[in-house]
PDB file of N, CA and C in Angstrom:
ATOM      1  N   MET A   1     -39.768  47.180  87.995  1.00  0.00           N
ATOM      2  CA  MET A   1     -40.707  47.207  87.103  1.00  0.00           C
ATOM      3  C   MET A   1     -39.834  48.089  85.830  1.00  0.00           C
ATOM      4  N   THR A   2     -39.827  47.501  84.724  1.00  0.00           N
ATOM      5  CA  THR A   2     -39.111  48.318  83.475  1.00  0.00           C
ATOM      6  C   THR A   2     -40.278  49.389  83.004  1.00  0.00           C
ATOM      7  N   THR A   3     -39.531  50.692  83.090  1.00  0.00           N
ATOM      8  CA  THR A   3     -40.242  51.765  82.797  1.00  0.00           C
ATOM      9  C   THR A   3     -40.261  52.125  81.352  1.00  0.00           C
ATOM     10  N   ARG A   4     -39.182  51.563  80.449  1.00  0.00           N
ATOM     11  CA  ARG A   4     -39.064  51.874  79.091  1.00  0.00           C
ATOM     12  C   ARG A   4     -39.238  50.742  78.288  1.00  0.00           C
ATOM     13  N   LEU A   5     -39.281  50.875  76.973  1.00  0.00           N
ATOM     14  CA  LEU A   5     -39.492  49.496  76.228  1.00  0.00           C
ATOM     15  C   LEU A   5     -37.966  49.025  75.691  1.00  0.00           C
ATOM     16  N   LEU A   6     -37.807  47.750  75.877  1.00  0.00           N
ATOM     17  CA  LEU A   6     -36.804  46.907  75.627  1.00  0.00           C
ATOM     18  C   LEU A   6     -37.271  45.961  74.502  1.00  0.00           C
ATOM     19  N   HIS A   7     -36.269  45.630  73.660  1.00  0.00           N
ATOM     20  CA  HIS A   7     -36.468  44.710  72.711  1.00  0.00           C
ATOM     21  C   HIS A   7     -35.391  43.607  72.411  1.00  0.00           C
ATOM     22  N   ALA A   8     -35.687  42.581  71.949  1.00  0.00           N
ATOM     23  CA  ALA A   8     -34.879  41.396  71.577  1.00  0.00           C
ATOM     24  C   ALA A   8     -35.281  40.794  70.200  1.00  0.00           C
ATOM     25  N   LEU A   9     -34.330  40.499  69.371  1.00  0.00           N
ATOM     26  CA  LEU A   9     -34.841  40.205  68.039  1.00  0.00           C
ATOM     27  C   LEU A   9     -34.334  38.633  67.760  1.00  0.00           C
ATOM     28  N   GLU A  10     -35.171  37.734  67.352  1.00  0.00           N
ATOM     29  CA  GLU A  10     -34.899  36.233  66.844  1.00  0.00           C
ATOM     30  C   GLU A  10     -35.011  36.219  65.458  1.00  0.00           C
ATOM     31  N   VAL A  11     -33.940  35.882  64.667  1.00  0.00           N
ATOM     32  CA  VAL A  11     -34.196  35.709  63.181  1.00  0.00           C
ATOM     33  C   VAL A  11     -33.785  34.256  62.661  1.00  0.00           C
ATOM     34  N   SER A  12     -34.867  33.739  62.074  1.00  0.00           N
ATOM     35  CA  SER A  12     -34.422  32.310  61.568  1.00  0.00           C
ATOM     36  C   SER A  12     -34.463  32.354  59.993  1.00  0.00           C
ATOM     37  N   ASP A  13     -34.664  31.306  59.235  1.00  0.00           N
ATOM     38  CA  ASP A  13     -34.527  31.278  57.920  1.00  0.00           C
ATOM     39  C   ASP A  13     -35.605  32.225  57.008  1.00  0.00           C
ATOM     40  N   SER A  14     -36.893  32.201  57.557  1.00  0.00           N
ATOM     41  CA  SER A  14     -37.972  33.013  56.648  1.00  0.00           C
ATOM     42  C   SER A  14     -38.732  33.759  57.784  1.00  0.00           C
ATOM     43  N   SER A  15     -38.394  33.829  59.064  1.00  0.00           N
ATOM     44  CA  SER A  15     -39.364  34.487  59.908  1.00  0.00           C
ATOM     45  C   SER A  15     -38.351  35.044  61.025  1.00  0.00           C
ATOM     46  N   ALA A  16     -38.831  36.194  61.695  1.00  0.00           N
ATOM     47  CA  ALA A  16     -38.356  36.708  62.711  1.00  0.00           C
ATOM     48  C   ALA A  16     -39.323  37.157  63.927  1.00  0.00           C
ATOM     49  N   THR A  17     -38.849  37.021  65.161  1.00  0.00           N
ATOM     50  CA  THR A  17     -39.714  37.289  66.207  1.00  0.00           C
ATOM     51  C   THR A  17     -39.027  38.449  67.040  1.00  0.00           C
ATOM     52  N   LEU A  18     -39.814  39.631  67.157  1.00  0.00           N
ATOM     53  CA  LEU A  18     -39.506  40.830  67.954  1.00  0.00           C
ATOM     54  C   LEU A  18     -40.192  40.614  69.350  1.00  0.00           C
ATOM     55  N   TYR A  19     -39.421  40.467  70.341  1.00  0.00           N
ATOM     56  CA  TYR A  19     -39.916  40.304  71.629  1.00  0.00           C
ATOM     57  C   TYR A  19     -39.748  41.715  72.321  1.00  0.00           C
ATOM     58  N   LEU A  20     -40.848  42.288  72.701  1.00  0.00           N
ATOM     59  CA  LEU A  20     -40.888  43.626  73.371  1.00  0.00           C
ATOM     60  C   LEU A  20     -41.134  43.462  74.976  1.00  0.00           C
ATOM     61  N   SER A  21     -40.411  44.141  75.808  1.00  0.00           N
ATOM     62  CA  SER A  21     -40.775  44.174  77.126  1.00  0.00           C
ATOM     63  C   SER A  21     -40.809  45.710  77.701  1.00  0.00           C
ATOM     64  N   GLY A  22     -41.468  45.809  78.897  1.00  0.00           N
ATOM     65  CA  GLY A  22     -41.470  47.168  79.507  1.00  0.00           C
ATOM     66  C   GLY A  22     -42.792  48.070  79.150  1.00  0.00           C
ATOM     67  N   ARG A  23     -42.608  49.152  79.058  1.00  0.00           N
ATOM     68  CA  ARG A  23     -43.732  50.231  78.746  1.00  0.00           C
ATOM     69  C   ARG A  23     -43.866  50.516  77.218  1.00  0.00           C
ATOM     70  N   LEU A  24     -44.746  50.115  76.607  1.00  0.00           N
ATOM     71  CA  LEU A  24     -44.910  50.394  75.125  1.00  0.00           C
ATOM     72  C   LEU A  24     -45.756  51.718  74.990  1.00  0.00           C
ATOM     73  N   ALA A  25     -45.262  52.712  74.178  1.00  0.00           N
ATOM     74  CA  ALA A  25     -45.856  53.894  74.161  1.00  0.00           C
ATOM     75  C   ALA A  25     -45.919  54.385  72.532  1.00  0.00           C
ATOM     76  N   GLY A  26     -46.516  55.460  72.255  1.00  0.00           N
ATOM     77  CA  GLY A  26     -46.829  55.832  70.849  1.00  0.00           C
ATOM     78  C   GLY A  26     -45.352  56.279  70.296  1.00  0.00           C
ATOM     79  N   HIS A  27     -44.589  56.796  71.070  1.00  0.00           N
ATOM     80  CA  HIS A  27     -43.229  57.206  70.566  1.00  0.00           C
ATOM     81  C   HIS A  27     -42.157  55.992  70.078  1.00  0.00           C
ATOM     82  N   ASP A  28     -42.668  54.981  70.271  1.00  0.00           N
ATOM     83  CA  ASP A  28     -41.624  53.724  70.174  1.00  0.00           C
ATOM     84  C   ASP A  28     -41.905  53.157  68.813  1.00  0.00           C
ATOM     85  N   ALA A  29     -42.764  53.826  68.039  1.00  0.00           N
ATOM     86  CA  ALA A  29     -43.022  53.228  66.518  1.00  0.00           C
ATOM     87  C   ALA A  29     -41.806  53.483  65.657  1.00  0.00           C
ATOM     88  N   PHE A  30     -41.150  54.708  65.854  1.00  0.00           N
ATOM     89  CA  PHE A  30     -39.964  55.114  64.860  1.00  0.00           C
ATOM     90  C   PHE A  30     -38.858  54.069  65.051  1.00  0.00           C
ATOM     91  N   SER A  31     -38.452  53.755  66.459  1.00  0.00           N
ATOM     92  CA  SER A  31     -37.424  52.871  66.682  1.00  0.00           C
ATOM     93  C   SER A  31     -37.809  51.525  66.359  1.00  0.00           C
ATOM     94  N   LEU A  32     -38.940  51.139  66.534  1.00  0.00           N
ATOM     95  CA  LEU A  32     -39.289  49.682  66.140  1.00  0.00           C
ATOM     96  C   LEU A  32     -39.291  49.367  64.733  1.00  0.00           C
ATOM     97  N   ARG A  33     -39.740  50.434  63.863  1.00  0.00           N
ATOM     98  CA  ARG A  33     -39.627  50.305  62.484  1.00  0.00           C
ATOM     99  C   ARG A  33     -38.105  50.238  62.032  1.00  0.00           C
ATOM    100  N   GLY A  34     -37.345  50.747  62.705  1.00  0.00           N
ATOM    101  CA  GLY A  34     -35.730  50.706  62.534  1.00  0.00           C
ATOM    102  C   GLY A  34     -35.401  49.550  62.690  1.00  0.00           C
ATOM    103  N   VAL A  35     -35.702  48.661  63.812  1.00  0.00           N
ATOM    104  CA  VAL A  35     -35.442  47.544  64.058  1.00  0.00           C
ATOM    105  C   VAL A  35     -35.839  46.573  62.898  1.00  0.00           C
ATOM    106  N   CYS A  36     -37.197  46.739  62.397  1.00  0.00           N
ATOM    107  CA  CYS A  36     -37.538  45.912  61.330  1.00  0.00           C
ATOM    108  C   CYS A  36     -36.929  46.040  59.899  1.00  0.00           C
ATOM    109  N   ARG A  37     -36.467  47.313  59.764  1.00  0.00           N
ATOM    110  CA  ARG A  37     -35.686  47.482  58.542  1.00  0.00           C
ATOM    111  C   ARG A  37     -34.457  46.953  58.748  1.00  0.00           C
ATOM    112  N   ASP A  38     -33.593  46.539  59.678  1.00  0.00           N
ATOM    113  CA  ASP A  38     -32.640  45.873  59.857  1.00  0.00           C
ATOM    114  C   ASP A  38     -32.633  44.387  59.784  1.00  0.00           C
ATOM    115  N   ILE A  39     -33.962  43.709  59.724  1.00  0.00           N
ATOM    116  CA  ILE A  39     -33.935  42.369  59.481  1.00  0.00           C
ATOM    117  C   ILE A  39     -33.794  41.964  58.179  1.00  0.00           C
ATOM    118  N   PRO A  40     -33.267  40.856  57.869  1.00  0.00           N
ATOM    119  CA  PRO A  40     -32.616  40.556  56.548  1.00  0.00           C
ATOM    120  C   PRO A  40     -33.848  40.537  55.640  1.00  0.00           C
ATOM    121  N   VAL A  41     -33.549  40.870  54.421  1.00  0.00           N
ATOM    122  CA  VAL A  41     -34.768  41.083  53.345  1.00  0.00           C
ATOM    123  C   VAL A  41     -35.277  39.680  53.123  1.00  0.00           C
ATOM    124  N   HIS A  42     -34.721  38.635  53.185  1.00  0.00           N
ATOM    125  CA  HIS A  42     -35.355  37.342  52.803  1.00  0.00           C
ATOM    126  C   HIS A  42     -36.551  36.851  53.856  1.00  0.00           C
ATOM    127  N   VAL A  43     -36.599  37.634  55.157  1.00  0.00           N
ATOM    128  CA  VAL A  43     -37.508  37.333  56.037  1.00  0.00           C
ATOM    129  C   VAL A  43     -38.908  37.868  55.578  1.00  0.00           C
ATOM    130  N   ARG A  44     -39.744  36.977  55.651  1.00  0.00           N
ATOM    131  CA  ARG A  44     -41.158  37.505  55.069  1.00  0.00           C
ATOM    132  C   ARG A  44     -42.210  37.367  56.288  1.00  0.00           C
ATOM    133  N   THR A  45     -41.970  36.562  57.418  1.00  0.00           N
ATOM    134  CA  THR A  45     -43.108  36.602  58.427  1.00  0.00           C
ATOM    135  C   THR A  45     -42.358  37.178  59.649  1.00  0.00           C
ATOM    136  N   LEU A  46     -43.002  38.115  60.384  1.00  0.00           N
ATOM    137  CA  LEU A  46     -42.747  38.964  61.556  1.00  0.00           C
ATOM    138  C   LEU A  46     -43.565  38.653  62.530  1.00  0.00           C
ATOM    139  N   ARG A  47     -43.029  38.155  63.686  1.00  0.00           N
ATOM    140  CA  ARG A  47     -44.194  37.923  64.892  1.00  0.00           C
ATOM    141  C   ARG A  47     -43.450  38.923  66.023  1.00  0.00           C
ATOM    142  N   LEU A  48     -44.633  39.736  66.540  1.00  0.00           N
ATOM    143  CA  LEU A  48     -44.464  40.598  67.665  1.00  0.00           C
ATOM    144  C   LEU A  48     -44.793  39.787  68.956  1.00  0.00           C
ATOM    145  N   ASP A  49     -44.012  39.642  69.732  1.00  0.00           N
ATOM    146  CA  ASP A  49     -44.354  39.109  70.958  1.00  0.00           C
ATOM    147  C   ASP A  49     -44.474  40.085  72.098  1.00  0.00           C
ATOM    148  N   LEU A  50     -45.460  40.366  72.668  1.00  0.00           N
ATOM    149  CA  LEU A  50     -45.920  41.324  73.602  1.00  0.00           C
ATOM    150  C   LEU A  50     -46.128  40.857  74.980  1.00  0.00           C
ATOM    151  N   HIS A  51     -45.787  39.534  75.332  1.00  0.00           N
ATOM    152  CA  HIS A  51     -45.856  39.041  76.530  1.00  0.00           C
ATOM    153  C   HIS A  51     -45.061  39.847  77.683  1.00  0.00           C
ATOM    154  N   GLY A  52     -44.010  40.505  77.315  1.00  0.00           N
ATOM    155  CA  GLY A  52     -43.208  41.228  78.454  1.00  0.00           C
ATOM    156  C   GLY A  52     -43.625  42.451  78.552  1.00  0.00           C
ATOM    157  N   VAL A  53     -44.580  43.086  77.795  1.00  0.00           N
ATOM    158  CA  VAL A  53     -45.189  44.406  77.940  1.00  0.00           C
ATOM    159  C   VAL A  53     -45.740  44.665  79.231  1.00  0.00           C
ATOM    160  N   THR A  54     -45.222  45.527  80.134  1.00  0.00           N
ATOM    161  CA  THR A  54     -45.955  45.574  81.538  1.00  0.00           C
ATOM    162  C   THR A  54     -47.088  46.892  81.369  1.00  0.00           C
ATOM    163  N   ALA A  55     -46.945  47.666  80.484  1.00  0.00           N
ATOM    164  CA  ALA A  55     -47.873  48.835  80.429  1.00  0.00           C
ATOM    165  C   ALA A  55     -48.003  49.392  79.069  1.00  0.00           C
ATOM    166  N   LEU A  56     -49.232  49.818  78.735  1.00  0.00           N
ATOM    167  CA  LEU A  56     -49.468  50.446  77.477  1.00  0.00           C
ATOM    168  C   LEU A  56     -49.775  52.001  77.585  1.00  0.00           C
ATOM    169  N   ASP A  57     -48.837  52.733  77.193  1.00  0.00           N
ATOM    170  CA  ASP A  57     -49.156  54.288  77.170  1.00  0.00           C
ATOM    171  C   ASP A  57     -50.016  54.503  76.026  1.00  0.00           C
ATOM    172  N   ALA A  58     -50.439  55.859  76.055  1.00  0.00           N
ATOM    173  CA  ALA A  58     -51.301  56.446  74.880  1.00  0.00           C
ATOM    174  C   ALA A  58     -50.519  56.323  73.689  1.00  0.00           C
ATOM    175  N   GLY A  59     -51.268  55.659  72.781  1.00  0.00           N
ATOM    176  CA  GLY A  59     -50.550  55.640  71.337  1.00  0.00           C
ATOM    177  C   GLY A  59     -49.957  54.257  71.244  1.00  0.00           C
ATOM    178  N   ALA A  60     -50.129  53.228  72.132  1.00  0.00           N
ATOM    179  CA  ALA A  60     -49.418  52.007  72.104  1.00  0.00           C
ATOM    180  C   ALA A  60     -49.850  50.997  71.008  1.00  0.00           C
ATOM    181  N   MET A  61     -51.219  51.182  70.765  1.00  0.00           N
ATOM    182  CA  MET A  61     -51.959  50.352  69.735  1.00  0.00           C
ATOM    183  C   MET A  61     -51.532  51.066  68.447  1.00  0.00           C
ATOM    184  N   ASP A  62     -51.249  52.459  68.552  1.00  0.00           N
ATOM    185  CA  ASP A  62     -50.943  52.970  67.081  1.00  0.00           C
ATOM    186  C   ASP A  62     -49.532  52.554  66.680  1.00  0.00           C
ATOM    187  N   THR A  63     -48.653  52.219  67.602  1.00  0.00           N
ATOM    188  CA  THR A  63     -47.378  51.943  67.418  1.00  0.00           C
ATOM    189  C   THR A  63     -47.340  50.554  66.969  1.00  0.00           C
ATOM    190  N   ILE A  64     -48.249  49.522  67.499  1.00  0.00           N
ATOM    191  CA  ILE A  64     -48.422  48.324  66.985  1.00  0.00           C
ATOM    192  C   ILE A  64     -48.950  48.329  65.454  1.00  0.00           C
ATOM    193  N   ARG A  65     -49.855  49.198  65.293  1.00  0.00           N
ATOM    194  CA  ARG A  65     -50.445  49.266  63.746  1.00  0.00           C
ATOM    195  C   ARG A  65     -49.347  49.766  62.880  1.00  0.00           C
ATOM    196  N   ALA A  66     -48.459  50.659  63.369  1.00  0.00           N
ATOM    197  CA  ALA A  66     -47.543  51.273  62.565  1.00  0.00           C
ATOM    198  C   ALA A  66     -46.591  50.296  62.317  1.00  0.00           C
ATOM    199  N   VAL A  67     -45.959  49.289  63.126  1.00  0.00           N
ATOM    200  CA  VAL A  67     -45.097  48.405  62.914  1.00  0.00           C
ATOM    201  C   VAL A  67     -45.668  47.449  61.724  1.00  0.00           C
ATOM    202  N   VAL A  68     -46.810  46.927  61.973  1.00  0.00           N
ATOM    203  CA  VAL A  68     -47.453  46.038  61.180  1.00  0.00           C
ATOM    204  C   VAL A  68     -47.717  46.561  59.851  1.00  0.00           C
ATOM    205  N   ARG A  69     -48.120  47.769  59.742  1.00  0.00           N
ATOM    206  CA  ARG A  69     -48.279  48.484  58.321  1.00  0.00           C
ATOM    207  C   ARG A  69     -46.920  48.581  57.713  1.00  0.00           C
ATOM    208  N   TYR A  70     -45.998  48.916  58.621  1.00  0.00           N
ATOM    209  CA  TYR A  70     -44.707  49.073  57.821  1.00  0.00           C
ATOM    210  C   TYR A  70     -44.158  47.714  57.277  1.00  0.00           C
ATOM    211  N   TRP A  71     -44.283  46.603  58.108  1.00  0.00           N
ATOM    212  CA  TRP A  71     -43.795  45.263  57.470  1.00  0.00           C
ATOM    213  C   TRP A  71     -44.652  44.886  56.334  1.00  0.00           C
ATOM    214  N   ARG A  72     -46.062  45.183  56.383  1.00  0.00           N
ATOM    215  CA  ARG A  72     -46.667  44.641  55.252  1.00  0.00           C
ATOM    216  C   ARG A  72     -46.313  45.367  53.896  1.00  0.00           C
ATOM    217  N   GLU A  73     -46.205  46.928  53.970  1.00  0.00           N
ATOM    218  CA  GLU A  73     -45.600  47.596  52.842  1.00  0.00           C
ATOM    219  C   GLU A  73     -44.236  47.599  52.458  1.00  0.00           C
ATOM    220  N   THR A  74     -43.408  47.203  53.471  1.00  0.00           N
ATOM    221  CA  THR A  74     -42.022  46.978  52.708  1.00  0.00           C
ATOM    222  C   THR A  74     -41.625  45.505  52.499  1.00  0.00           C
ATOM    223  N   ARG A  75     -42.232  44.448  53.060  1.00  0.00           N
ATOM    224  CA  ARG A  75     -41.918  43.224  52.807  1.00  0.00           C
ATOM    225  C   ARG A  75     -43.145  42.437  52.045  1.00  0.00           C
ATOM    226  N   ASN A  76     -44.412  42.817  52.116  1.00  0.00           N
ATOM    227  CA  ASN A  76     -45.345  42.301  51.622  1.00  0.00           C
ATOM    228  C   ASN A  76     -45.349  40.899  52.084  1.00  0.00           C
ATOM    229  N   GLY A  77     -45.110  40.814  53.539  1.00  0.00           N
ATOM    230  CA  GLY A  77     -45.177  39.641  54.144  1.00  0.00           C
ATOM    231  C   GLY A  77     -46.231  39.336  55.199  1.00  0.00           C
ATOM    232  N   SER A  78     -46.325  38.337  56.000  1.00  0.00           N
ATOM    233  CA  SER A  78     -47.267  38.172  56.959  1.00  0.00           C
ATOM    234  C   SER A  78     -46.717  38.477  58.362  1.00  0.00           C
ATOM    235  N   PHE A  79     -47.633  38.558  59.317  1.00  0.00           N
ATOM    236  CA  PHE A  79     -47.382  38.940  60.631  1.00  0.00           C
ATOM    237  C   PHE A  79     -47.986  37.908  61.630  1.00  0.00           C
ATOM    238  N   ARG A  80     -47.515  38.074  62.781  1.00  0.00           N
ATOM    239  CA  ARG A  80     -48.257  37.207  63.994  1.00  0.00           C
ATOM    240  C   ARG A  80     -48.050  38.185  65.212  1.00  0.00           C
ATOM    241  N   LEU A  81     -49.137  38.251  65.940  1.00  0.00           N
ATOM    242  CA  LEU A  81     -49.186  39.115  67.087  1.00  0.00           C
ATOM    243  C   LEU A  81     -49.380  38.365  68.281  1.00  0.00           C
ATOM    244  N   ALA A  82     -48.801  38.359  69.366  1.00  0.00           N
ATOM    245  CA  ALA A  82     -49.011  37.599  70.410  1.00  0.00           C
ATOM    246  C   ALA A  82     -48.905  38.317  71.768  1.00  0.00           C
ATOM    247  N   PHE A  83     -49.853  38.419  72.538  1.00  0.00           N
ATOM    248  CA  PHE A  83     -49.987  39.163  73.757  1.00  0.00           C
ATOM    249  C   PHE A  83     -50.752  38.592  74.976  1.00  0.00           C
ATOM    250  N   ALA A  84     -50.626  38.874  75.894  1.00  0.00           N
ATOM    251  CA  ALA A  84     -51.299  38.458  77.284  1.00  0.00           C
ATOM    252  C   ALA A  84     -51.586  39.473  78.283  1.00  0.00           C
ATOM    253  N   SER A  85     -52.625  39.099  78.858  1.00  0.00           N
ATOM    254  CA  SER A  85     -53.029  39.629  80.209  1.00  0.00           C
ATOM    255  C   SER A  85     -52.932  38.892  81.268  1.00  0.00           C
ATOM    256  N   GLU A  86     -53.153  39.020  82.500  1.00  0.00           N
ATOM    257  CA  GLU A  86     -53.140  38.114  83.755  1.00  0.00           C
ATOM    258  C   GLU A  86     -54.143  36.816  83.350  1.00  0.00           C
ATOM    259  N   GLN A  87     -55.176  36.949  82.738  1.00  0.00           N
ATOM    260  CA  GLN A  87     -56.038  35.900  82.550  1.00  0.00           C
ATOM    261  C   GLN A  87     -56.080  35.394  81.250  1.00  0.00           C
ATOM    262  N   ASP A  88     -55.583  35.987  80.079  1.00  0.00           N
ATOM    263  CA  ASP A  88     -55.999  35.710  78.746  1.00  0.00           C
ATOM    264  C   ASP A  88     -54.716  35.701  78.066  1.00  0.00           C
ATOM    265  N   VAL A  89     -54.589  34.771  76.996  1.00  0.00           N
ATOM    266  CA  VAL A  89     -53.498  34.859  75.957  1.00  0.00           C
ATOM    267  C   VAL A  89     -54.223  35.014  74.664  1.00  0.00           C
ATOM    268  N   ALA A  90     -53.765  35.832  73.823  1.00  0.00           N
ATOM    269  CA  ALA A  90     -54.164  35.994  72.390  1.00  0.00           C
ATOM    270  C   ALA A  90     -53.215  35.888  71.474  1.00  0.00           C
ATOM    271  N   SER A  91     -53.696  35.302  70.216  1.00  0.00           N
ATOM    272  CA  SER A  91     -52.711  35.389  69.111  1.00  0.00           C
ATOM    273  C   SER A  91     -53.295  35.850  67.944  1.00  0.00           C
ATOM    274  N   VAL A  92     -52.753  36.605  67.297  1.00  0.00           N
ATOM    275  CA  VAL A  92     -53.417  37.053  65.879  1.00  0.00           C
ATOM    276  C   VAL A  92     -52.485  36.817  64.648  1.00  0.00           C
ATOM    277  N   ALA A  93     -52.965  36.267  63.614  1.00  0.00           N
ATOM    278  CA  ALA A  93     -52.015  35.979  62.578  1.00  0.00           C
ATOM    279  C   ALA A  93     -52.896  36.404  61.237  1.00  0.00           C
ATOM    280  N   GLN A  94     -52.146  36.996  60.196  1.00  0.00           N
ATOM    281  CA  GLN A  94     -52.738  37.233  58.926  1.00  0.00           C
ATOM    282  C   GLN A  94     -52.007  36.157  58.026  1.00  0.00           C
ATOM    283  N   PRO A  95     -52.707  35.505  57.418  1.00  0.00           N
ATOM    284  CA  PRO A  95     -52.163  34.442  56.452  1.00  0.00           C
ATOM    285  C   PRO A  95     -51.404  35.130  55.297  1.00  0.00           C
ATOM    286  N   GLU A  96     -50.363  34.699  54.757  1.00  0.00           N
ATOM    287  CA  GLU A  96     -49.662  35.441  53.711  1.00  0.00           C
ATOM    288  C   GLU A  96     -50.490  35.533  52.396  1.00  0.00           C
ATOM    289  N   SER A  97     -51.523  34.651  52.216  1.00  0.00           N
ATOM    290  CA  SER A  97     -52.378  34.644  50.929  1.00  0.00           C
ATOM    291  C   SER A  97     -53.406  35.744  50.961  1.00  0.00           C
ATOM    292  N   ALA A  98     -53.599  36.263  52.198  1.00  0.00           N
ATOM    293  CA  ALA A  98     -54.498  37.360  52.533  1.00  0.00           C
ATOM    294  C   ALA A  98     -54.097  38.794  51.900  1.00  0.00           C
ATOM    295  N   PRO A  99     -54.968  39.464  51.216  1.00  0.00           N
ATOM    296  CA  PRO A  99     -54.550  40.704  50.500  1.00  0.00           C
ATOM    297  C   PRO A  99     -54.124  41.740  51.585  1.00  0.00           C
ATOM    298  N   ALA A 100     -53.117  42.380  51.740  1.00  0.00           N
ATOM    299  CA  ALA A 100     -52.794  43.356  52.677  1.00  0.00           C
ATOM    300  C   ALA A 100     -53.272  44.611  52.470  1.00  0.00           C
ATOM    301  N   ALA A 101     -53.724  45.136  51.272  1.00  0.00           N
ATOM    302  CA  ALA A 101     -54.351  46.358  51.021  1.00  0.00           C
ATOM    303  C   ALA A 101     -55.574  46.603  51.785  1.00  0.00           C
ATOM    304  N   GLY A 102     -55.684  47.709  52.563  1.00  0.00           N
ATOM    305  CA  GLY A 102     -56.958  48.041  53.141  1.00  0.00           C
ATOM    306  C   GLY A 102     -57.308  47.358  54.428  1.00  0.00           C
ATOM    307  N   ARG A 103     -56.303  46.332  54.862  1.00  0.00           N
ATOM    308  CA  ARG A 103     -56.880  45.791  56.123  1.00  0.00           C
ATOM    309  C   ARG A 103     -56.268  46.457  57.412  1.00  0.00           C
ATOM    310  N   ARG A 104     -56.866  46.669  58.305  1.00  0.00           N
ATOM    311  CA  ARG A 104     -56.269  47.205  59.555  1.00  0.00           C
ATOM    312  C   ARG A 104     -56.230  46.245  60.707  1.00  0.00           C
ATOM    313  N   LEU A 105     -55.274  46.485  61.513  1.00  0.00           N
ATOM    314  CA  LEU A 105     -55.143  45.480  62.657  1.00  0.00           C
ATOM    315  C   LEU A 105     -56.275  45.254  63.484  1.00  0.00           C
ATOM    316  N   ASP A 106     -57.098  46.237  63.793  1.00  0.00           N
ATOM    317  CA  ASP A 106     -58.317  45.789  64.547  1.00  0.00           C
ATOM    318  C   ASP A 106     -59.119  44.963  63.862  1.00  0.00           C
ATOM    319  N   HIS A 107     -59.206  45.067  62.448  1.00  0.00           N
ATOM    320  CA  HIS A 107     -59.978  44.108  61.573  1.00  0.00           C
ATOM    321  C   HIS A 107     -59.518  42.904  61.751  1.00  0.00           C
ATOM    322  N   VAL A 108     -58.241  42.747  61.573  1.00  0.00           N
ATOM    323  CA  VAL A 108     -57.616  41.314  61.772  1.00  0.00           C
ATOM    324  C   VAL A 108     -57.862  40.776  63.093  1.00  0.00           C
ATOM    325  N   ILE A 109     -57.693  41.443  64.218  1.00  0.00           N
ATOM    326  CA  ILE A 109     -58.004  41.116  65.501  1.00  0.00           C
ATOM    327  C   ILE A 109     -59.460  40.277  65.655  1.00  0.00           C
ATOM    328  N   GLY A 110     -60.375  41.148  65.093  1.00  0.00           N
ATOM    329  CA  GLY A 110     -61.798  40.708  65.159  1.00  0.00           C
ATOM    330  C   GLY A 110     -61.913  39.344  64.556  1.00  0.00           C
ATOM    331  N   ARG A 111     -61.302  39.120  63.491  1.00  0.00           N
ATOM    332  CA  ARG A 111     -61.600  37.953  62.842  1.00  0.00           C
ATOM    333  C   ARG A 111     -60.763  36.687  62.876  1.00  0.00           C
ATOM    334  N   SER A 112     -59.499  36.946  63.424  1.00  0.00           N
ATOM    335  CA  SER A 112     -58.452  35.893  63.527  1.00  0.00           C
ATOM    336  C   SER A 112     -58.001  35.550  64.655  1.00  0.00           C
ATOM    337  N   ALA A 113     -58.582  36.347  66.041  1.00  0.00           N
ATOM    338  CA  ALA A 113     -57.846  35.950  67.162  1.00  0.00           C
ATOM    339  C   ALA A 113     -58.348  34.701  67.946  1.00  0.00           C
ATOM    340  N   ALA A 114     -57.427  34.010  68.418  1.00  0.00           N
ATOM    341  CA  ALA A 114     -57.677  32.623  69.161  1.00  0.00           C
ATOM    342  C   ALA A 114     -57.456  33.106  70.350  1.00  0.00           C
ATOM    343  N   LEU A 115     -58.390  33.032  71.332  1.00  0.00           N
ATOM    344  CA  LEU A 115     -58.149  33.455  72.598  1.00  0.00           C
ATOM    345  C   LEU A 115     -58.378  32.148  73.613  1.00  0.00           C
ATOM    346  N   THR A 116     -57.462  31.984  74.492  1.00  0.00           N
ATOM    347  CA  THR A 116     -57.394  30.750  75.382  1.00  0.00           C
ATOM    348  C   THR A 116     -57.206  31.307  76.839  1.00  0.00           C
ATOM    349  N   GLY A 117     -57.896  30.816  77.944  1.00  0.00           N
ATOM    350  CA  GLY A 117     -57.837  31.210  79.215  1.00  0.00           C
ATOM    351  C   GLY A 117     -56.388  30.709  79.700  1.00  0.00           C
ATOM    352  N   MET A 118     -55.844  31.305  80.339  1.00  0.00           N
ATOM    353  CA  MET A 118     -54.653  30.857  81.094  1.00  0.00           C
ATOM    354  C   MET A 118     -54.550  31.228  82.608  1.00  0.00           C
ATOM    355  N   PHE A 119     -54.297  30.027  83.265  1.00  0.00           N
ATOM    356  CA  PHE A 119     -54.310  30.149  84.859  1.00  0.00           C
ATOM    357  C   PHE A 119     -53.021  29.980  85.435  1.00  0.00           C
ATOM    358  N   LEU A 120     -52.690  31.022  86.361  1.00  0.00           N
ATOM    359  CA  LEU A 120     -51.226  31.161  86.978  1.00  0.00           C
ATOM    360  C   LEU A 120     -51.426  30.838  88.310  1.00  0.00           C
TER     361      LEU A 120
END
């Protein structure tokens, strides 16, 4: 079992996917914002793929919020968030046309989440 956070980045013409695996904690926000900062400036859509995350430490959701907030503020772009548990898969997306100001991740999840059962 991975005990620290690992990441991989895939960049295409207009979007990037940041794959995270291992243990996600509150102190990971700074390094993940650094990864986002290094993504080419023409990229407007960021997808955070959390399927490989094995544990969420205290502050993990704050880290996700910090990355999403950083992306919106620096790129004025959209984001997608994908995560899974043993039984569920969820995907969250913010359309590019939606106003970024004043929206919090937990509000986006409440309105835009698509939940599908997954049987293994």
